Protein backbone atom coordinates (compact mmCIF):
# COMPACT_ATOMS: atom_id res chain seq x y z
CA MET A 1 17.09 2.20 7.03
CA THR A 2 17.23 4.86 9.66
CA LEU A 3 15.80 4.17 13.12
CA LYS A 4 15.91 5.68 16.43
CA LYS A 5 17.79 3.84 19.10
CA PRO A 6 15.86 1.82 21.71
CA PRO A 7 15.33 3.52 24.86
CA LYS A 8 18.07 3.29 27.37
CA ASN A 9 15.79 2.86 30.28
CA ASN A 10 14.02 -0.09 28.70
CA PRO A 11 16.53 -2.30 26.89
CA SER A 12 14.76 -5.58 27.00
CA LEU A 13 13.30 -7.04 23.61
CA ILE A 14 9.73 -7.83 23.53
CA TRP A 15 10.21 -11.62 23.07
CA GLN A 16 12.33 -11.68 26.15
CA GLN A 17 9.20 -10.48 28.27
CA ALA A 18 7.99 -13.12 30.66
CA ASP A 19 4.43 -12.84 29.39
CA TRP A 20 5.43 -13.11 25.73
CA PRO A 21 3.32 -13.44 23.33
CA SER A 22 0.39 -12.19 25.39
CA PHE A 23 -0.33 -8.81 23.60
CA VAL A 24 -2.69 -6.26 25.15
CA ALA A 25 -3.87 -2.73 24.29
CA THR A 26 -5.25 -1.15 27.25
CA ASN A 27 -4.80 2.57 26.60
CA PRO A 28 -8.37 4.18 26.33
CA ALA A 29 -7.10 5.94 23.26
CA VAL A 30 -6.93 2.78 21.25
CA ARG A 31 -10.64 2.42 21.36
CA GLU A 32 -10.94 6.16 19.92
CA ALA A 33 -8.43 5.53 17.34
CA LEU A 34 -10.01 2.23 16.18
CA LEU A 35 -13.57 3.90 16.14
CA ASP A 36 -12.15 6.70 14.06
CA ALA A 37 -10.61 4.24 11.51
CA ARG A 38 -14.16 2.39 11.42
CA ARG A 39 -15.77 5.56 10.52
CA LYS A 40 -13.37 6.23 7.73
CA GLN A 41 -13.76 2.65 6.48
CA GLY A 42 -17.68 3.27 6.34
CA GLU A 43 -17.25 6.37 4.36
CA VAL A 44 -15.01 4.39 1.65
CA LEU A 45 -17.53 1.67 1.48
CA GLY A 46 -20.40 4.10 1.17
CA GLN A 47 -18.69 6.21 -1.48
CA ALA A 48 -17.50 3.05 -3.26
CA ASN A 49 -21.14 1.97 -3.45
CA ALA A 50 -22.34 5.38 -4.72
CA ILE A 51 -19.98 5.67 -7.58
CA GLY A 52 -21.02 2.37 -8.95
CA LEU A 53 -19.22 -0.66 -10.51
CA LYS A 54 -16.93 1.19 -12.91
CA GLY A 55 -15.63 3.70 -10.54
CA ALA A 56 -15.26 1.03 -7.72
CA GLN A 57 -13.10 -1.11 -10.17
CA GLU A 58 -10.61 1.73 -10.88
CA LEU A 59 -10.46 2.26 -7.01
CA VAL A 60 -9.58 -1.52 -6.64
CA GLN A 61 -7.07 -1.50 -9.44
CA SER A 62 -5.37 1.69 -7.84
CA ALA A 63 -5.33 -0.02 -4.38
CA TYR A 64 -3.67 -3.21 -5.68
CA ILE A 65 -1.10 -1.20 -7.91
CA GLN A 66 -0.20 1.06 -4.84
CA GLU A 67 0.07 -1.65 -2.38
CA VAL A 68 2.57 -3.52 -4.69
CA ILE A 69 4.56 -0.47 -5.38
CA SER A 70 4.66 0.80 -1.78
CA THR A 71 5.35 -2.33 -0.01
CA SER A 72 8.42 -2.93 -2.15
CA ALA A 73 9.59 0.89 -1.84
CA ILE A 74 9.39 0.55 2.03
CA GLU A 75 12.11 -1.93 1.61
CA GLY A 76 14.13 0.24 -0.78
CA GLU A 77 13.26 -1.45 -3.96
CA ILE A 78 11.62 0.72 -6.64
CA LEU A 79 9.47 -1.23 -8.94
CA ASN A 80 8.50 -0.03 -12.62
CA PRO A 81 4.91 1.32 -12.06
CA GLU A 82 3.69 0.35 -15.64
CA SER A 83 5.18 -3.11 -14.93
CA VAL A 84 3.12 -3.36 -11.89
CA ARG A 85 0.03 -1.94 -13.56
CA SER A 86 0.01 -4.21 -16.47
CA SER A 87 0.84 -7.41 -14.09
CA VAL A 88 -2.07 -6.27 -11.68
CA LEU A 89 -4.72 -5.69 -14.54
CA ARG A 90 -3.99 -9.08 -16.05
CA LYS A 91 -4.29 -10.84 -12.93
CA LEU A 92 -7.53 -9.04 -12.17
CA GLY A 93 -8.89 -10.16 -15.42
CA VAL A 94 -8.81 -6.82 -17.27
CA GLN A 95 -7.83 -6.75 -20.86
CA VAL A 96 -4.63 -4.99 -21.46
CA GLU A 97 -2.88 -3.96 -24.69
CA THR A 98 -0.10 -6.41 -25.56
CA LYS A 99 1.73 -3.75 -27.58
CA ASN A 100 4.84 -2.53 -25.31
CA LEU A 101 3.62 -4.64 -22.51
CA LEU A 102 6.05 -4.52 -19.66
CA HIS A 103 6.30 -7.93 -18.33
CA SER A 104 8.23 -8.91 -15.20
CA ILE A 105 8.35 -12.33 -13.52
CA ARG A 106 9.52 -10.93 -10.33
CA VAL A 107 6.67 -8.11 -10.35
CA ASP A 108 4.22 -10.98 -11.15
CA GLY A 109 5.41 -12.74 -8.06
CA LEU A 110 5.04 -9.77 -5.99
CA VAL A 111 1.45 -9.24 -7.18
CA ASP A 112 0.65 -12.80 -6.51
CA ILE A 113 1.36 -12.32 -2.95
CA VAL A 114 -0.93 -9.50 -2.40
CA GLN A 115 -3.67 -11.22 -4.68
CA ASP A 116 -3.32 -14.21 -2.75
CA ALA A 117 -3.55 -12.67 0.65
CA ILE A 118 -6.67 -10.98 -0.30
CA LYS A 119 -8.46 -13.42 -2.58
CA GLN A 120 -7.94 -16.33 -0.26
CA TYR A 121 -8.61 -14.56 2.86
CA GLN A 122 -10.99 -17.29 3.95
CA GLN A 123 -8.51 -20.04 3.90
CA GLY A 124 -6.14 -18.35 6.29
CA ILE A 125 -2.42 -18.73 6.34
CA THR A 126 -0.29 -21.68 6.99
CA GLN A 127 3.47 -22.38 6.92
CA THR A 128 3.13 -23.60 3.31
CA THR A 129 1.36 -20.10 2.28
CA LEU A 130 4.29 -18.28 3.82
CA PHE A 131 7.02 -20.40 2.17
CA ARG A 132 5.05 -19.83 -1.16
CA TRP A 133 4.97 -16.21 -0.65
CA HIS A 134 8.70 -16.13 0.35
CA ARG A 135 9.43 -17.78 -3.11
CA SER A 136 7.37 -15.35 -4.90
CA ILE A 137 9.22 -12.32 -3.54
CA PHE A 138 12.42 -13.71 -5.10
CA SER A 139 10.82 -15.20 -8.16
CA GLY A 140 12.67 -14.30 -11.50
CA GLU A 141 16.15 -14.22 -9.71
CA GLU A 142 18.80 -16.43 -10.66
CA GLN A 143 19.34 -19.14 -8.01
CA SER A 144 23.11 -18.54 -8.02
CA LEU A 145 22.75 -14.85 -7.29
CA ARG A 146 20.63 -15.62 -4.03
CA LYS A 147 22.61 -15.06 -0.95
CA ILE A 148 19.77 -16.29 1.25
CA THR A 149 17.85 -19.51 1.54
CA VAL A 150 14.39 -19.07 -0.15
CA GLY A 151 11.12 -20.68 0.85
CA GLN A 152 11.87 -21.78 4.39
CA TYR A 153 12.44 -20.25 7.70
CA ARG A 154 15.92 -19.03 8.73
CA GLU A 155 18.37 -21.62 10.17
CA HIS A 156 21.65 -19.72 10.54
CA GLU A 157 23.11 -19.44 13.95
CA ASP A 158 24.16 -16.05 13.86
CA PRO A 159 21.91 -13.51 15.45
CA MET A 160 18.98 -12.11 13.34
CA GLN A 161 19.46 -8.28 13.50
CA ILE A 162 17.99 -5.16 12.22
CA VAL A 163 21.06 -2.91 11.42
CA SER A 164 21.60 0.45 9.81
CA GLY A 165 24.69 2.59 9.29
CA ARG A 166 28.01 2.29 7.66
CA GLN A 167 30.27 -0.75 7.85
CA GLY A 168 32.14 -0.52 11.54
CA LYS A 169 29.72 1.97 12.80
CA GLU A 170 26.42 0.01 12.57
CA ILE A 171 23.57 0.54 14.99
CA VAL A 172 21.66 -2.56 15.93
CA HIS A 173 17.95 -1.66 16.32
CA TYR A 174 16.54 -4.98 16.85
CA THR A 175 17.39 -8.59 17.52
CA ALA A 176 15.05 -11.38 16.79
CA PRO A 177 14.46 -14.84 18.62
CA PRO A 178 17.38 -16.94 17.56
CA SER A 179 16.80 -19.51 14.61
CA ALA A 180 16.36 -22.37 16.70
CA LYS A 181 13.25 -20.83 18.23
CA VAL A 182 11.73 -19.65 14.88
CA ARG A 183 9.59 -22.84 14.15
CA SER A 184 8.01 -23.03 17.64
CA GLU A 185 7.50 -19.01 17.67
CA MET A 186 5.73 -19.28 14.12
CA ARG A 187 3.52 -22.19 15.27
CA ALA A 188 2.10 -20.13 18.14
CA PHE A 189 1.64 -17.22 15.81
CA LEU A 190 -0.23 -19.13 13.28
CA GLU A 191 -2.42 -20.89 15.67
CA TRP A 192 -3.42 -17.63 17.27
CA PHE A 193 -3.93 -16.17 13.78
CA GLU A 194 -6.39 -19.20 12.88
CA LYS A 195 -8.29 -18.98 16.17
CA THR A 196 -8.80 -15.29 16.20
CA ALA A 197 -9.78 -15.00 12.76
CA PRO A 198 -13.51 -13.44 12.47
CA ASN A 199 -16.38 -15.77 11.59
CA LYS A 200 -14.57 -18.83 12.77
CA LEU A 201 -16.36 -21.50 14.77
CA SER A 202 -13.25 -21.63 16.70
CA LEU A 203 -14.09 -18.54 18.36
CA GLY A 204 -15.61 -18.95 21.89
CA LYS A 205 -13.51 -21.78 22.67
CA GLY A 206 -11.39 -20.10 25.12
CA VAL A 207 -10.43 -17.36 22.66
CA ALA A 208 -11.37 -13.71 23.21
CA ARG A 209 -13.07 -11.66 20.27
CA MET A 210 -10.85 -8.58 19.31
CA ASP A 211 -11.35 -5.79 16.93
CA GLY A 212 -10.34 -6.81 13.38
CA LEU A 213 -8.03 -3.69 12.99
CA GLU A 214 -6.44 -4.47 16.44
CA ARG A 215 -5.70 -7.86 15.39
CA ALA A 216 -4.25 -7.02 12.15
CA ALA A 217 -1.87 -4.59 13.99
CA ILE A 218 -0.81 -7.21 16.38
CA ALA A 219 -0.33 -9.75 13.87
CA HIS A 220 1.86 -7.34 11.98
CA LEU A 221 3.99 -6.65 15.11
CA TRP A 222 4.10 -10.27 16.29
CA PHE A 223 5.40 -11.66 12.82
CA GLU A 224 7.95 -8.79 12.46
CA SER A 225 9.10 -9.71 15.87
CA ILE A 226 10.00 -13.06 15.18
CA HIS A 227 11.41 -12.12 11.61
CA PRO A 228 11.43 -15.69 10.60
CA PHE A 229 12.98 -15.44 7.31
CA GLU A 230 16.55 -14.11 6.30
CA ASP A 231 14.96 -11.57 3.95
CA GLY A 232 11.43 -10.51 2.87
CA ASN A 233 9.88 -10.25 6.38
CA GLY A 234 8.29 -6.69 5.79
CA ARG A 235 6.66 -7.62 2.65
CA ILE A 236 5.32 -10.79 4.04
CA GLY A 237 4.17 -9.05 7.10
CA ARG A 238 2.45 -6.46 5.33
CA ALA A 239 0.64 -9.27 3.28
CA ILE A 240 -0.57 -10.63 6.54
CA VAL A 241 -2.02 -7.43 7.37
CA ASP A 242 -3.86 -7.56 3.86
CA MET A 243 -5.23 -10.89 4.65
CA ALA A 244 -6.17 -9.85 8.35
CA MET A 245 -8.01 -6.94 6.89
CA ALA A 246 -9.79 -8.79 4.37
CA GLN A 247 -10.88 -11.16 7.07
CA ASP A 248 -12.31 -8.49 9.23
CA ALA A 249 -14.29 -6.83 6.24
CA ASN A 250 -15.06 -10.54 5.12
CA SER A 251 -14.51 -9.32 1.66
CA SER A 252 -11.69 -9.87 -1.12
CA ILE A 253 -12.43 -6.31 -2.49
CA LYS A 254 -9.47 -4.10 -1.66
CA LEU A 255 -10.56 -0.32 -1.24
CA PHE A 256 -7.40 1.07 0.27
CA SER A 257 -3.69 0.63 0.51
CA LEU A 258 -1.94 0.45 3.90
CA SER A 259 1.54 0.29 2.64
CA GLU A 260 0.99 3.32 0.52
CA GLU A 261 0.38 5.32 3.88
CA MET A 262 3.01 3.39 5.79
CA LEU A 263 5.57 4.45 2.81
CA ARG A 264 4.38 8.13 3.15
CA GLN A 265 5.02 7.87 7.00
CA ARG A 266 8.15 5.51 6.56
CA GLN A 267 10.05 6.80 9.59
CA GLY A 268 7.26 6.88 11.82
CA TYR A 269 6.47 3.33 10.92
CA TYR A 270 10.11 2.18 11.69
CA ASP A 271 10.13 4.27 14.88
CA VAL A 272 6.78 3.03 16.47
CA LEU A 273 7.31 -0.56 15.33
CA ASN A 274 10.99 -0.50 16.91
CA SER A 275 9.49 1.22 20.03
CA ALA A 276 6.84 -1.67 20.52
CA GLN A 277 9.71 -4.43 19.87
CA HIS A 278 11.68 -2.92 22.87
CA GLY A 279 8.48 -2.48 25.31
CA ASP A 280 6.15 -4.61 27.34
CA MET A 281 3.27 -6.47 26.16
CA ASP A 282 0.88 -3.51 26.15
CA VAL A 283 1.21 -2.32 22.67
CA SER A 284 -1.27 0.56 22.79
CA GLU A 285 0.94 3.03 21.19
CA TRP A 286 1.44 0.86 17.98
CA VAL A 287 -2.20 -0.06 17.71
CA ILE A 288 -3.21 3.64 17.88
CA TRP A 289 -0.42 4.39 15.06
CA PHE A 290 -1.91 1.50 12.95
CA ALA A 291 -5.45 2.51 13.37
CA GLY A 292 -4.34 6.03 12.47
CA ILE A 293 -2.57 4.68 9.25
CA CYS A 294 -5.98 2.77 8.47
CA ALA A 295 -8.01 6.06 8.70
CA GLN A 296 -5.57 7.96 6.52
CA ALA A 297 -5.61 5.05 3.86
CA CYS A 298 -9.44 5.52 3.80
CA VAL A 299 -9.12 9.37 3.35
CA THR A 300 -6.91 8.66 0.36
CA SER A 301 -9.19 6.31 -1.17
CA CYS A 302 -11.99 8.90 -0.65
CA ASN A 303 -10.03 11.40 -2.42
CA PHE A 304 -9.29 8.96 -5.46
CA MET A 305 -13.22 8.42 -5.61
CA ASN A 306 -13.88 12.21 -5.55
CA GLY A 307 -11.56 12.73 -8.28
CA ALA A 308 -13.31 9.86 -10.16
CA ILE A 309 -16.49 11.60 -9.81
CA GLN A 310 -15.16 14.87 -10.96
CA LYS A 311 -13.75 13.37 -13.89
CA ALA A 312 -16.98 11.49 -15.01
CA ALA A 313 -18.85 14.72 -14.52
CA PHE A 314 -16.35 16.73 -16.62
CA TRP A 315 -16.59 14.22 -19.38
CA ALA A 316 -20.40 14.00 -19.22
CA GLU A 317 -20.48 17.86 -19.44
CA HIS A 318 -18.35 17.93 -22.71
CA GLU A 319 -19.63 14.54 -24.07
CA PRO A 320 -20.92 16.34 -27.32
CA ILE A 321 -17.36 17.67 -28.17
CA ASN A 322 -15.43 15.67 -30.69
CA LEU A 323 -11.75 15.35 -29.70
CA ASN A 324 -9.11 13.74 -31.37
CA GLU A 325 -6.79 11.22 -29.49
CA ARG A 326 -4.11 13.82 -28.84
CA GLN A 327 -6.67 16.04 -27.11
CA LYS A 328 -8.22 13.13 -25.15
CA LYS A 329 -4.88 12.03 -23.94
CA LEU A 330 -3.97 15.53 -22.69
CA ILE A 331 -7.29 15.93 -20.96
CA ASN A 332 -7.11 12.50 -19.29
CA LYS A 333 -3.54 13.28 -17.77
CA LEU A 334 -4.72 16.63 -16.70
CA LEU A 335 -7.84 15.08 -14.89
CA ASP A 336 -5.64 12.13 -13.50
CA ALA A 337 -3.15 14.73 -12.04
CA GLY A 338 -5.79 16.52 -10.38
CA ASP A 339 -5.63 19.97 -8.92
CA GLY A 340 -2.32 21.44 -9.15
CA GLY A 341 -1.07 18.20 -10.66
CA PHE A 342 0.58 20.05 -13.58
CA LEU A 343 2.72 22.82 -11.86
CA GLY A 344 2.57 25.81 -13.87
CA GLY A 345 -0.05 24.50 -16.35
CA VAL A 346 0.65 23.19 -19.96
CA ASN A 347 2.10 24.97 -22.68
CA SER A 348 2.64 23.89 -26.28
CA GLU A 349 6.06 22.41 -25.55
CA LYS A 350 4.56 20.09 -23.04
CA TYR A 351 1.67 19.20 -25.21
CA ILE A 352 4.30 18.24 -28.06
CA LYS A 353 6.22 16.21 -25.60
CA ILE A 354 3.00 14.25 -24.38
CA THR A 355 1.35 13.76 -27.80
CA GLY A 356 4.34 13.75 -30.39
CA ALA A 357 2.37 16.56 -32.17
CA SER A 358 4.07 19.30 -34.50
CA LYS A 359 4.23 22.99 -33.08
CA ALA A 360 1.42 23.91 -35.41
CA THR A 361 -0.88 20.96 -34.51
CA ALA A 362 -0.13 21.69 -30.67
CA THR A 363 -1.35 25.29 -31.18
CA ARG A 364 -4.45 24.43 -33.09
CA ASP A 365 -5.34 21.57 -30.76
CA LEU A 366 -4.94 23.59 -27.59
CA SER A 367 -6.72 26.56 -29.06
CA ALA A 368 -9.69 24.23 -29.98
CA LEU A 369 -9.89 22.97 -26.24
CA VAL A 370 -10.12 26.46 -25.03
CA ALA A 371 -12.76 27.32 -27.55
CA ALA A 372 -14.75 24.16 -26.34
CA GLY A 373 -14.61 25.54 -22.60
CA MET A 374 -12.30 22.32 -21.71
CA LEU A 375 -9.20 24.50 -20.96
CA PHE A 376 -8.72 28.01 -19.97
CA VAL A 377 -5.67 30.15 -20.61
CA THR A 378 -3.56 32.44 -18.61
CA GLY A 379 -0.53 34.66 -19.72
CA GLN A 380 0.68 35.86 -23.07
CA GLY A 381 3.57 34.88 -25.55
CA LYS A 382 6.15 32.58 -23.80
CA ALA A 383 4.16 32.81 -20.55
CA LEU A 384 1.10 31.48 -22.05
CA ARG A 385 -0.17 28.40 -20.00
CA TYR A 386 -3.34 26.12 -20.41
CA PHE A 387 -5.27 24.67 -17.35
CA ILE A 388 -8.16 22.10 -17.07
CA ASN A 389 -11.34 23.94 -16.73
CA MET A 390 -12.69 22.47 -13.37
CA PRO A 391 -14.73 25.00 -11.57
CA THR A 392 -13.64 23.86 -8.13
CA TRP A 393 -9.81 23.56 -9.04
CA GLY A 394 -7.44 26.50 -8.22
CA HIS A 395 -4.33 25.31 -9.80
CA GLY A 396 -2.44 27.92 -7.76
CA VAL A 397 -3.48 30.72 -10.33
CA ARG A 398 -7.19 31.39 -9.27
């Protein structure tokens, strides 16, 4: 990974502060950032209710898929999207075709973590939960190939450091508490996470209420600062965020993916997290950044639902038209890609590649779609290009 070096004027680590782990976020801008994220959450929920059950199901499926793919991609692991999709759909109870099904024990384990964090949000997390998640991260790997201890906290005597750079020129970005302190640090974290959970009777027993998004941000920072496992801390830390967000919403319905937005702003994610780990206990900057990620994740979900609404309206308008399977496949791909998704439009060669049709069949199918008003065409000869006929889409050509 690539991170900024810790500020020279503040070299101390957050867990070395005298008031660790008494996190606060006192900057007035925190409240504004949280309120903005709340407004965006309300928009997602309202739009999900408006599009109905089917549209919301598609959003939930997409959010799960993107969460699994993105939380791994942040760590540099690229998963097969189709394998993730098939695993997510099966675990959500959706019927999937068994033909050419891409199945991966490892992917199943990663999907299990995300699903467990959200579906079991009312149960909270325990040490047993974390150990189970840790084993799931490395499921499907040969025991002999593992170079780390799986399913328990780290115990090695060497410093636990986040390092980047080539061998011999490494940059140490962060050093976590020594392994001897991990169990006591994690006990304190898990007790706090339980006591601060919304809708718990334990609230009011000397534990101040806090905004649920602020709690999720602090939970992630606290866990990542302890860094209790030899590997897999990032993915487990983001699963903890998923549970905290589900607890805040008091719902097991996932409507947006925070990891997807963190991946888009990966450098900023590393930088602000690293900065907080070298600061004092006022983590306002981190909470503001986290709230902004929440807000943007909600915007992404709203855009997804807008696309679903447009897609449904397009099919409703052209419902009387009888299409063959090749034509349906193309139209669905174009609708899913969105405005400008197929850069330069579609020509007969692309249609042949997508559908496996012959040259003559491709020309006939595309001409029929133009005649039906589902596509429009630009150019002539070799420059001939076809675009989905969505009035509000420009495709860069109109």
